[in-house]
Amino acid sequence: MGEALKKWLKMSKDLPVREEVGLNLRVAVNMIDSKFDKLFEAHGITTAQYNVLRILKGVYPNGHARCEIASRMIERASDITRIIDRLEKQDLVERDRTSEDRRISITRITEKGIEVLNKLNKTVEQKHNEFTNNLNESECRQLSLLLEKLYEKEI
């Protein structure tokens, strides 16, 4: 078992390698999530709200129905309606009912939402670089491909 994981978990004995992989993933995700949560909180949004804004900016000036946004989320959120409600209260998104089916609304990012994302872009990029600064480009590519192998069968 790697020394960093032993130190983090305050353990001395080795674990089976697959358990070690799982624990390393959980520790890394927890650390990264914690830092991003603080970053987004400083800008008045949550990580899930950032994800929704990022998705909607990708199709701007068009929008998406709630179910389409939910299907594109990094973390599948069961409370997507509440996430969108909170963004709408902050004037970061707007919703329009479709003329074909009044039960369906299309959510679009607003100019204010784009401004928030633009302010965050540089800092988010810096955080990604910070998390991988001890890896070279080849190691980053290899890690990315290995991580994809863990979830590709779920897609």
N, C-alpha and C. Protein backbone atom coordinates (compact mmCIF):
# COMPACT_ATOMS: atom_id res chain seq x y z
N MET A 1 0.86 -1.18 0.00
CA MET A 1 0.00 0.00 0.00
C MET A 1 0.90 1.23 0.00
N GLY A 2 0.47 2.25 -0.73
CA GLY A 2 1.24 3.48 -0.81
C GLY A 2 1.35 4.19 0.53
N GLU A 3 2.44 4.89 0.71
CA GLU A 3 2.70 5.58 1.97
C GLU A 3 1.70 6.71 2.22
N ALA A 4 1.30 7.42 1.18
CA ALA A 4 0.36 8.53 1.36
C ALA A 4 -0.98 8.02 1.89
N LEU A 5 -1.47 6.91 1.35
CA LEU A 5 -2.75 6.36 1.81
C LEU A 5 -2.62 5.87 3.25
N LYS A 6 -1.52 5.20 3.56
CA LYS A 6 -1.29 4.74 4.95
C LYS A 6 -1.31 5.93 5.91
N LYS A 7 -0.64 7.00 5.51
CA LYS A 7 -0.57 8.19 6.37
C LYS A 7 -1.95 8.82 6.52
N TRP A 8 -2.68 8.93 5.40
CA TRP A 8 -4.02 9.55 5.42
C TRP A 8 -4.97 8.76 6.32
N LEU A 9 -4.93 7.44 6.20
CA LEU A 9 -5.84 6.58 6.97
C LEU A 9 -5.27 6.17 8.32
N LYS A 10 -4.02 6.59 8.59
CA LYS A 10 -3.34 6.23 9.83
C LYS A 10 -3.32 4.71 10.02
N MET A 11 -2.86 4.03 8.97
CA MET A 11 -2.79 2.57 8.97
C MET A 11 -1.35 2.14 8.76
N SER A 12 -1.05 0.95 9.25
CA SER A 12 0.30 0.42 9.02
C SER A 12 0.28 -0.84 8.17
N LYS A 13 -0.84 -1.56 8.18
CA LYS A 13 -0.87 -2.81 7.41
C LYS A 13 -1.31 -2.55 5.97
N ASP A 14 -0.88 -3.45 5.10
CA ASP A 14 -1.27 -3.37 3.69
C ASP A 14 -2.67 -3.93 3.50
N LEU A 15 -3.32 -3.49 2.45
CA LEU A 15 -4.66 -3.96 2.09
C LEU A 15 -4.58 -4.64 0.73
N PRO A 16 -5.59 -5.44 0.40
CA PRO A 16 -5.63 -5.98 -0.97
C PRO A 16 -5.64 -4.82 -1.97
N VAL A 17 -4.99 -5.01 -3.09
CA VAL A 17 -4.77 -3.92 -4.04
C VAL A 17 -6.07 -3.30 -4.55
N ARG A 18 -7.11 -4.09 -4.75
CA ARG A 18 -8.38 -3.52 -5.25
C ARG A 18 -9.05 -2.66 -4.17
N GLU A 19 -8.91 -3.06 -2.93
CA GLU A 19 -9.42 -2.24 -1.83
C GLU A 19 -8.62 -0.94 -1.73
N GLU A 20 -7.32 -1.05 -1.94
CA GLU A 20 -6.45 0.13 -1.93
C GLU A 20 -6.86 1.11 -3.03
N VAL A 21 -7.16 0.59 -4.21
CA VAL A 21 -7.61 1.45 -5.32
C VAL A 21 -8.90 2.17 -4.92
N GLY A 22 -9.86 1.42 -4.37
CA GLY A 22 -11.12 2.03 -3.96
C GLY A 22 -10.93 3.11 -2.92
N LEU A 23 -10.09 2.84 -1.94
CA LEU A 23 -9.84 3.84 -0.90
C LEU A 23 -9.11 5.06 -1.45
N ASN A 24 -8.13 4.83 -2.32
CA ASN A 24 -7.43 5.96 -2.94
C ASN A 24 -8.39 6.84 -3.74
N LEU A 25 -9.30 6.21 -4.47
CA LEU A 25 -10.29 6.98 -5.23
C LEU A 25 -11.16 7.81 -4.29
N ARG A 26 -11.62 7.20 -3.21
CA ARG A 26 -12.50 7.91 -2.28
C ARG A 26 -11.78 9.08 -1.61
N VAL A 27 -10.54 8.86 -1.20
CA VAL A 27 -9.76 9.93 -0.58
C VAL A 27 -9.55 11.07 -1.57
N ALA A 28 -9.16 10.74 -2.80
CA ALA A 28 -8.91 11.76 -3.82
C ALA A 28 -10.18 12.54 -4.15
N VAL A 29 -11.28 11.84 -4.35
CA VAL A 29 -12.55 12.50 -4.68
C VAL A 29 -12.99 13.39 -3.52
N ASN A 30 -12.86 12.90 -2.30
CA ASN A 30 -13.25 13.69 -1.13
C ASN A 30 -12.44 14.98 -1.06
N MET A 31 -11.13 14.88 -1.26
CA MET A 31 -10.25 16.04 -1.20
C MET A 31 -10.61 17.05 -2.30
N ILE A 32 -10.79 16.55 -3.51
CA ILE A 32 -11.11 17.42 -4.64
C ILE A 32 -12.48 18.06 -4.45
N ASP A 33 -13.48 17.27 -4.06
CA ASP A 33 -14.83 17.81 -3.83
C ASP A 33 -14.81 18.91 -2.77
N SER A 34 -14.08 18.68 -1.71
CA SER A 34 -14.01 19.65 -0.62
C SER A 34 -13.45 20.99 -1.11
N LYS A 35 -12.40 20.94 -1.90
CA LYS A 35 -11.80 22.18 -2.41
C LYS A 35 -12.71 22.89 -3.40
N PHE A 36 -13.38 22.13 -4.26
CA PHE A 36 -14.31 22.76 -5.21
C PHE A 36 -15.54 23.30 -4.48
N ASP A 37 -16.03 22.58 -3.48
CA ASP A 37 -17.17 23.07 -2.70
C ASP A 37 -16.86 24.45 -2.12
N LYS A 38 -15.67 24.61 -1.55
CA LYS A 38 -15.27 25.90 -0.97
C LYS A 38 -15.17 26.98 -2.05
N LEU A 39 -14.61 26.63 -3.18
CA LEU A 39 -14.46 27.58 -4.28
C LEU A 39 -15.83 28.09 -4.74
N PHE A 40 -16.76 27.16 -4.99
CA PHE A 40 -18.07 27.56 -5.50
C PHE A 40 -18.87 28.30 -4.43
N GLU A 41 -18.74 27.85 -3.18
CA GLU A 41 -19.45 28.52 -2.09
C GLU A 41 -19.05 29.99 -1.99
N ALA A 42 -17.79 30.28 -2.23
CA ALA A 42 -17.31 31.67 -2.19
C ALA A 42 -17.97 32.52 -3.27
N HIS A 43 -18.53 31.89 -4.30
CA HIS A 43 -19.23 32.61 -5.37
C HIS A 43 -20.75 32.45 -5.26
N GLY A 44 -21.22 31.92 -4.13
CA GLY A 44 -22.65 31.84 -3.86
C GLY A 44 -23.39 30.72 -4.54
N ILE A 45 -22.67 29.70 -5.03
CA ILE A 45 -23.33 28.56 -5.66
C ILE A 45 -22.74 27.26 -5.12
N THR A 46 -23.42 26.17 -5.41
CA THR A 46 -22.94 24.84 -5.03
C THR A 46 -22.26 24.19 -6.23
N THR A 47 -21.61 23.08 -5.97
CA THR A 47 -20.98 22.33 -7.06
C THR A 47 -22.02 21.87 -8.07
N ALA A 48 -23.16 21.40 -7.58
CA ALA A 48 -24.23 20.95 -8.48
C ALA A 48 -24.76 22.12 -9.32
N GLN A 49 -24.90 23.28 -8.71
CA GLN A 49 -25.36 24.45 -9.46
C GLN A 49 -24.34 24.86 -10.51
N TYR A 50 -23.07 24.80 -10.18
CA TYR A 50 -22.01 25.07 -11.16
C TYR A 50 -22.14 24.12 -12.34
N ASN A 51 -22.37 22.86 -12.05
CA ASN A 51 -22.50 21.85 -13.09
C ASN A 51 -23.67 22.18 -14.02
N VAL A 52 -24.81 22.59 -13.46
CA VAL A 52 -25.97 22.97 -14.28
C VAL A 52 -25.62 24.17 -15.16
N LEU A 53 -24.98 25.17 -14.58
CA LEU A 53 -24.59 26.35 -15.36
C LEU A 53 -23.64 25.98 -16.49
N ARG A 54 -22.70 25.11 -16.21
CA ARG A 54 -21.73 24.66 -17.22
C ARG A 54 -22.45 23.94 -18.37
N ILE A 55 -23.40 23.09 -18.02
CA ILE A 55 -24.18 22.36 -19.03
C ILE A 55 -24.96 23.34 -19.91
N LEU A 56 -25.61 24.30 -19.28
CA LEU A 56 -26.44 25.26 -20.03
C LEU A 56 -25.60 26.22 -20.86
N LYS A 57 -24.42 26.57 -20.38
CA LYS A 57 -23.56 27.45 -21.17
C LYS A 57 -23.12 26.73 -22.45
N GLY A 58 -22.99 25.42 -22.38
CA GLY A 58 -22.58 24.65 -23.54
C GLY A 58 -23.58 24.66 -24.68
N VAL A 59 -24.84 25.00 -24.39
CA VAL A 59 -25.86 25.05 -25.45
C VAL A 59 -26.43 26.46 -25.63
N TYR A 60 -25.81 27.43 -24.96
CA TYR A 60 -26.28 28.81 -25.04
C TYR A 60 -26.26 29.30 -26.48
N PRO A 61 -27.26 29.99 -26.97
CA PRO A 61 -28.39 30.60 -26.27
C PRO A 61 -29.59 29.67 -26.10
N ASN A 62 -29.46 28.43 -26.55
CA ASN A 62 -30.54 27.48 -26.35
C ASN A 62 -30.52 26.99 -24.90
N GLY A 63 -31.42 26.10 -24.59
CA GLY A 63 -31.48 25.54 -23.24
C GLY A 63 -31.79 24.06 -23.29
N HIS A 64 -32.08 23.51 -22.13
CA HIS A 64 -32.42 22.10 -22.01
C HIS A 64 -33.63 21.93 -21.11
N ALA A 65 -34.36 20.85 -21.34
CA ALA A 65 -35.40 20.44 -20.41
C ALA A 65 -34.72 19.88 -19.16
N ARG A 66 -35.44 19.88 -18.06
CA ARG A 66 -34.92 19.40 -16.78
C ARG A 66 -34.32 18.01 -16.88
N CYS A 67 -35.01 17.09 -17.55
CA CYS A 67 -34.53 15.71 -17.64
C CYS A 67 -33.23 15.62 -18.43
N GLU A 68 -33.05 16.48 -19.42
CA GLU A 68 -31.80 16.48 -20.19
C GLU A 68 -30.65 17.01 -19.35
N ILE A 69 -30.92 18.04 -18.57
CA ILE A 69 -29.88 18.56 -17.66
C ILE A 69 -29.48 17.47 -16.69
N ALA A 70 -30.47 16.80 -16.09
CA ALA A 70 -30.19 15.74 -15.11
C ALA A 70 -29.33 14.64 -15.71
N SER A 71 -29.59 14.29 -16.98
CA SER A 71 -28.85 13.20 -17.61
C SER A 71 -27.40 13.57 -17.93
N ARG A 72 -27.08 14.86 -17.92
CA ARG A 72 -25.73 15.32 -18.24
C ARG A 72 -24.90 15.68 -17.00
N MET A 73 -25.51 15.58 -15.83
CA MET A 73 -24.82 15.94 -14.60
C MET A 73 -23.68 14.98 -14.31
N ILE A 74 -22.59 15.50 -13.75
CA ILE A 74 -21.48 14.65 -13.32
C ILE A 74 -21.95 13.78 -12.17
N GLU A 75 -22.56 14.41 -11.17
CA GLU A 75 -23.19 13.67 -10.08
C GLU A 75 -24.68 13.70 -10.35
N ARG A 76 -25.26 12.54 -10.53
CA ARG A 76 -26.69 12.47 -10.82
C ARG A 76 -27.48 12.97 -9.62
N ALA A 77 -28.16 14.09 -9.78
CA ALA A 77 -28.88 14.73 -8.68
C ALA A 77 -30.37 14.44 -8.78
N SER A 78 -30.93 13.90 -7.71
CA SER A 78 -32.36 13.61 -7.72
C SER A 78 -33.17 14.89 -7.49
N ASP A 79 -32.55 15.91 -6.98
CA ASP A 79 -33.26 17.16 -6.70
C ASP A 79 -32.96 18.25 -7.73
N ILE A 80 -32.91 17.87 -8.99
CA ILE A 80 -32.55 18.81 -10.06
C ILE A 80 -33.52 20.00 -10.11
N THR A 81 -34.80 19.76 -9.80
CA THR A 81 -35.77 20.85 -9.80
C THR A 81 -35.40 21.90 -8.78
N ARG A 82 -35.03 21.47 -7.57
CA ARG A 82 -34.64 22.44 -6.53
C ARG A 82 -33.35 23.17 -6.90
N ILE A 83 -32.42 22.47 -7.52
CA ILE A 83 -31.17 23.11 -7.95
C ILE A 83 -31.49 24.23 -8.94
N ILE A 84 -32.35 23.93 -9.91
CA ILE A 84 -32.74 24.93 -10.91
C ILE A 84 -33.54 26.05 -10.25
N ASP A 85 -34.43 25.72 -9.31
CA ASP A 85 -35.20 26.75 -8.59
C ASP A 85 -34.26 27.76 -7.93
N ARG A 86 -33.23 27.25 -7.26
CA ARG A 86 -32.29 28.14 -6.56
C ARG A 86 -31.50 29.01 -7.55
N LEU A 87 -31.12 28.42 -8.67
CA LEU A 87 -30.42 29.21 -9.70
C LEU A 87 -31.33 30.29 -10.27
N GLU A 88 -32.60 29.95 -10.44
CA GLU A 88 -33.56 30.92 -10.97
C GLU A 88 -33.75 32.08 -9.98
N LYS A 89 -33.80 31.77 -8.69
CA LYS A 89 -33.94 32.82 -7.67
C LYS A 89 -32.75 33.78 -7.68
N GLN A 90 -31.59 33.29 -8.08
CA GLN A 90 -30.39 34.13 -8.16
C GLN A 90 -30.26 34.79 -9.54
N ASP A 91 -31.25 34.59 -10.40
CA ASP A 91 -31.24 35.13 -11.77
C ASP A 91 -30.08 34.60 -12.61
N LEU A 92 -29.64 33.37 -12.33
CA LEU A 92 -28.56 32.76 -13.09
C LEU A 92 -29.10 31.92 -14.24
N VAL A 93 -30.37 31.50 -14.13
CA VAL A 93 -31.05 30.78 -15.21
C VAL A 93 -32.47 31.32 -15.31
N GLU A 94 -33.10 31.01 -16.43
CA GLU A 94 -34.52 31.34 -16.62
C GLU A 94 -35.20 30.15 -17.27
N ARG A 95 -36.49 30.01 -16.99
CA ARG A 95 -37.25 28.89 -17.56
C ARG A 95 -38.39 29.42 -18.42
N ASP A 96 -38.59 28.72 -19.54
CA ASP A 96 -39.70 29.03 -20.45
C ASP A 96 -40.49 27.75 -20.69
N ARG A 97 -41.79 27.85 -20.62
CA ARG A 97 -42.65 26.71 -20.96
C ARG A 97 -42.66 26.54 -22.47
N THR A 98 -42.68 25.30 -22.92
CA THR A 98 -42.73 25.05 -24.36
C THR A 98 -44.17 25.20 -24.83
N SER A 99 -44.33 25.59 -26.07
CA SER A 99 -45.68 25.77 -26.61
C SER A 99 -46.33 24.42 -26.91
N GLU A 100 -45.52 23.39 -27.18
CA GLU A 100 -46.07 22.07 -27.51
C GLU A 100 -46.62 21.36 -26.27
N ASP A 101 -45.94 21.48 -25.15
CA ASP A 101 -46.35 20.78 -23.93
C ASP A 101 -46.06 21.69 -22.75
N ARG A 102 -47.11 22.26 -22.17
CA ARG A 102 -46.95 23.23 -21.09
C ARG A 102 -46.32 22.62 -19.83
N ARG A 103 -46.29 21.28 -19.75
CA ARG A 103 -45.68 20.64 -18.57
C ARG A 103 -44.16 20.67 -18.65
N ILE A 104 -43.63 20.89 -19.83
CA ILE A 104 -42.18 20.89 -20.02
C ILE A 104 -41.68 22.33 -20.09
N SER A 105 -40.63 22.61 -19.35
CA SER A 105 -40.01 23.92 -19.44
C SER A 105 -38.56 23.76 -19.91
N ILE A 106 -38.10 24.75 -20.60
CA ILE A 106 -36.72 24.78 -21.08
C ILE A 106 -35.97 25.78 -20.21
N THR A 107 -34.86 25.33 -19.66
CA THR A 107 -34.03 26.18 -18.80
C THR A 107 -32.85 26.70 -19.61
N ARG A 108 -32.62 28.01 -19.51
CA ARG A 108 -31.51 28.66 -20.21
C ARG A 108 -30.66 29.43 -19.21
N ILE A 109 -29.39 29.50 -19.49
CA ILE A 109 -28.50 30.31 -18.65
C ILE A 109 -28.71 31.78 -19.01
N THR A 110 -28.65 32.65 -18.02
CA THR A 110 -28.79 34.09 -18.25
C THR A 110 -27.41 34.73 -18.42
N GLU A 111 -27.40 35.99 -18.80
CA GLU A 111 -26.13 36.72 -18.90
C GLU A 111 -25.42 36.73 -17.55
N LYS A 112 -26.19 36.88 -16.48
CA LYS A 112 -25.60 36.87 -15.13
C LYS A 112 -24.97 35.51 -14.84
N GLY A 113 -25.63 34.44 -15.27
CA GLY A 113 -25.07 33.09 -15.09
C GLY A 113 -23.77 32.92 -15.85
N ILE A 114 -23.73 33.46 -17.06
CA ILE A 114 -22.50 33.40 -17.86
C ILE A 114 -21.38 34.19 -17.18
N GLU A 115 -21.73 35.34 -16.61
CA GLU A 115 -20.72 36.14 -15.89
C GLU A 115 -20.13 35.36 -14.72
N VAL A 116 -20.98 34.67 -13.97
CA VAL A 116 -20.50 33.86 -12.84
C VAL A 116 -19.53 32.79 -13.34
N LEU A 117 -19.92 32.09 -14.41
CA LEU A 117 -19.03 31.06 -14.97
C LEU A 117 -17.72 31.65 -15.47
N ASN A 118 -17.79 32.78 -16.14
CA ASN A 118 -16.57 33.41 -16.65
C ASN A 118 -15.63 33.79 -15.52
N LYS A 119 -16.19 34.26 -14.40
CA LYS A 119 -15.36 34.58 -13.23
C LYS A 119 -14.69 33.33 -12.67
N LEU A 120 -15.39 32.22 -12.73
CA LEU A 120 -14.89 30.97 -12.14
C LEU A 120 -13.92 30.20 -13.04
N ASN A 121 -14.02 30.38 -14.35
CA ASN A 121 -13.26 29.55 -15.29
C ASN A 121 -11.77 29.47 -14.99
N LYS A 122 -11.13 30.59 -14.78
CA LYS A 122 -9.68 30.61 -14.54
C LYS A 122 -9.35 29.87 -13.24
N THR A 123 -10.14 30.11 -12.20
CA THR A 123 -9.89 29.47 -10.91
C THR A 123 -10.13 27.97 -10.98
N VAL A 124 -11.16 27.55 -11.69
CA VAL A 124 -11.43 26.12 -11.85
C VAL A 124 -10.27 25.46 -12.59
N GLU A 125 -9.79 26.11 -13.64
CA GLU A 125 -8.65 25.57 -14.38
C GLU A 125 -7.41 25.47 -13.48
N GLN A 126 -7.20 26.49 -12.65
CA GLN A 126 -6.06 26.46 -11.72
C GLN A 126 -6.19 25.31 -10.74
N LYS A 127 -7.41 25.05 -10.26
CA LYS A 127 -7.63 23.94 -9.32
C LYS A 127 -7.32 22.61 -10.00
N HIS A 128 -7.76 22.43 -11.24
CA HIS A 128 -7.46 21.19 -11.96
C HIS A 128 -5.95 21.02 -12.11
N ASN A 129 -5.26 22.10 -12.43
CA ASN A 129 -3.80 22.03 -12.54
C ASN A 129 -3.15 21.73 -11.20
N GLU A 130 -3.69 22.32 -10.14
CA GLU A 130 -3.16 22.08 -8.80
C GLU A 130 -3.27 20.60 -8.41
N PHE A 131 -4.40 19.99 -8.73
CA PHE A 131 -4.62 18.59 -8.36
C PHE A 131 -3.70 17.64 -9.12
N THR A 132 -3.26 18.06 -10.28
CA THR A 132 -2.45 17.17 -11.12
C THR A 132 -1.02 17.68 -11.32
N ASN A 133 -0.60 18.64 -10.52
CA ASN A 133 0.71 19.27 -10.75
C ASN A 133 1.89 18.33 -10.54
N ASN A 134 1.69 17.20 -9.87
CA ASN A 134 2.79 16.26 -9.70
C ASN A 134 2.75 15.13 -10.74
N LEU A 135 1.91 15.30 -11.76
CA LEU A 135 1.83 14.34 -12.87
C LEU A 135 2.24 15.03 -14.16
N ASN A 136 2.96 14.32 -15.03
CA ASN A 136 3.26 14.90 -16.34
C ASN A 136 2.07 14.65 -17.27
N GLU A 137 2.13 15.19 -18.48
CA GLU A 137 1.00 15.07 -19.42
C GLU A 137 0.66 13.61 -19.72
N SER A 138 1.68 12.79 -19.91
CA SER A 138 1.47 11.38 -20.21
C SER A 138 0.79 10.66 -19.04
N GLU A 139 1.20 10.97 -17.82
CA GLU A 139 0.58 10.36 -16.64
C GLU A 139 -0.86 10.83 -16.48
N CYS A 140 -1.11 12.09 -16.79
CA CYS A 140 -2.50 12.61 -16.74
C CYS A 140 -3.38 11.86 -17.73
N ARG A 141 -2.90 11.68 -18.95
CA ARG A 141 -3.66 10.96 -19.98
C ARG A 141 -3.92 9.53 -19.52
N GLN A 142 -2.88 8.86 -19.00
CA GLN A 142 -3.01 7.48 -18.54
C GLN A 142 -4.00 7.38 -17.39
N LEU A 143 -3.91 8.29 -16.43
CA LEU A 143 -4.84 8.28 -15.30
C LEU A 143 -6.27 8.49 -15.79
N SER A 144 -6.46 9.42 -16.70
CA SER A 144 -7.79 9.68 -17.23
C SER A 144 -8.37 8.44 -17.91
N LEU A 145 -7.57 7.78 -18.72
CA LEU A 145 -8.04 6.56 -19.40
C LEU A 145 -8.35 5.44 -18.41
N LEU A 146 -7.53 5.29 -17.39
CA LEU A 146 -7.78 4.26 -16.37
C LEU A 146 -9.06 4.56 -15.59
N LEU A 147 -9.28 5.82 -15.25
CA LEU A 147 -10.50 6.18 -14.54
C LEU A 147 -11.73 5.93 -15.41
N GLU A 148 -11.64 6.24 -16.69
CA GLU A 148 -12.76 5.96 -17.60
C GLU A 148 -13.09 4.48 -17.63
N LYS A 149 -12.07 3.64 -17.56
CA LYS A 149 -12.30 2.19 -17.58
C LYS A 149 -13.14 1.75 -16.39
N LEU A 150 -13.07 2.49 -15.28
CA LEU A 150 -13.83 2.13 -14.09
C LEU A 150 -15.33 2.33 -14.26
N TYR A 151 -15.72 3.30 -15.08
CA TYR A 151 -17.15 3.58 -15.20
C TYR A 151 -17.72 3.38 -16.60
N GLU A 152 -16.90 3.08 -17.60
CA GLU A 152 -17.41 3.01 -18.98
C GLU A 152 -18.49 1.95 -19.15
N LYS A 153 -18.44 0.88 -18.37
CA LYS A 153 -19.46 -0.17 -18.50
C LYS A 153 -20.82 0.28 -17.96
N GLU A 154 -20.84 1.38 -17.22
CA GLU A 154 -22.09 1.91 -16.65
C GLU A 154 -22.80 2.86 -17.61
N ILE A 155 -22.12 3.25 -18.68
CA ILE A 155 -22.70 4.24 -19.61
C ILE A 155 -23.68 3.56 -20.54
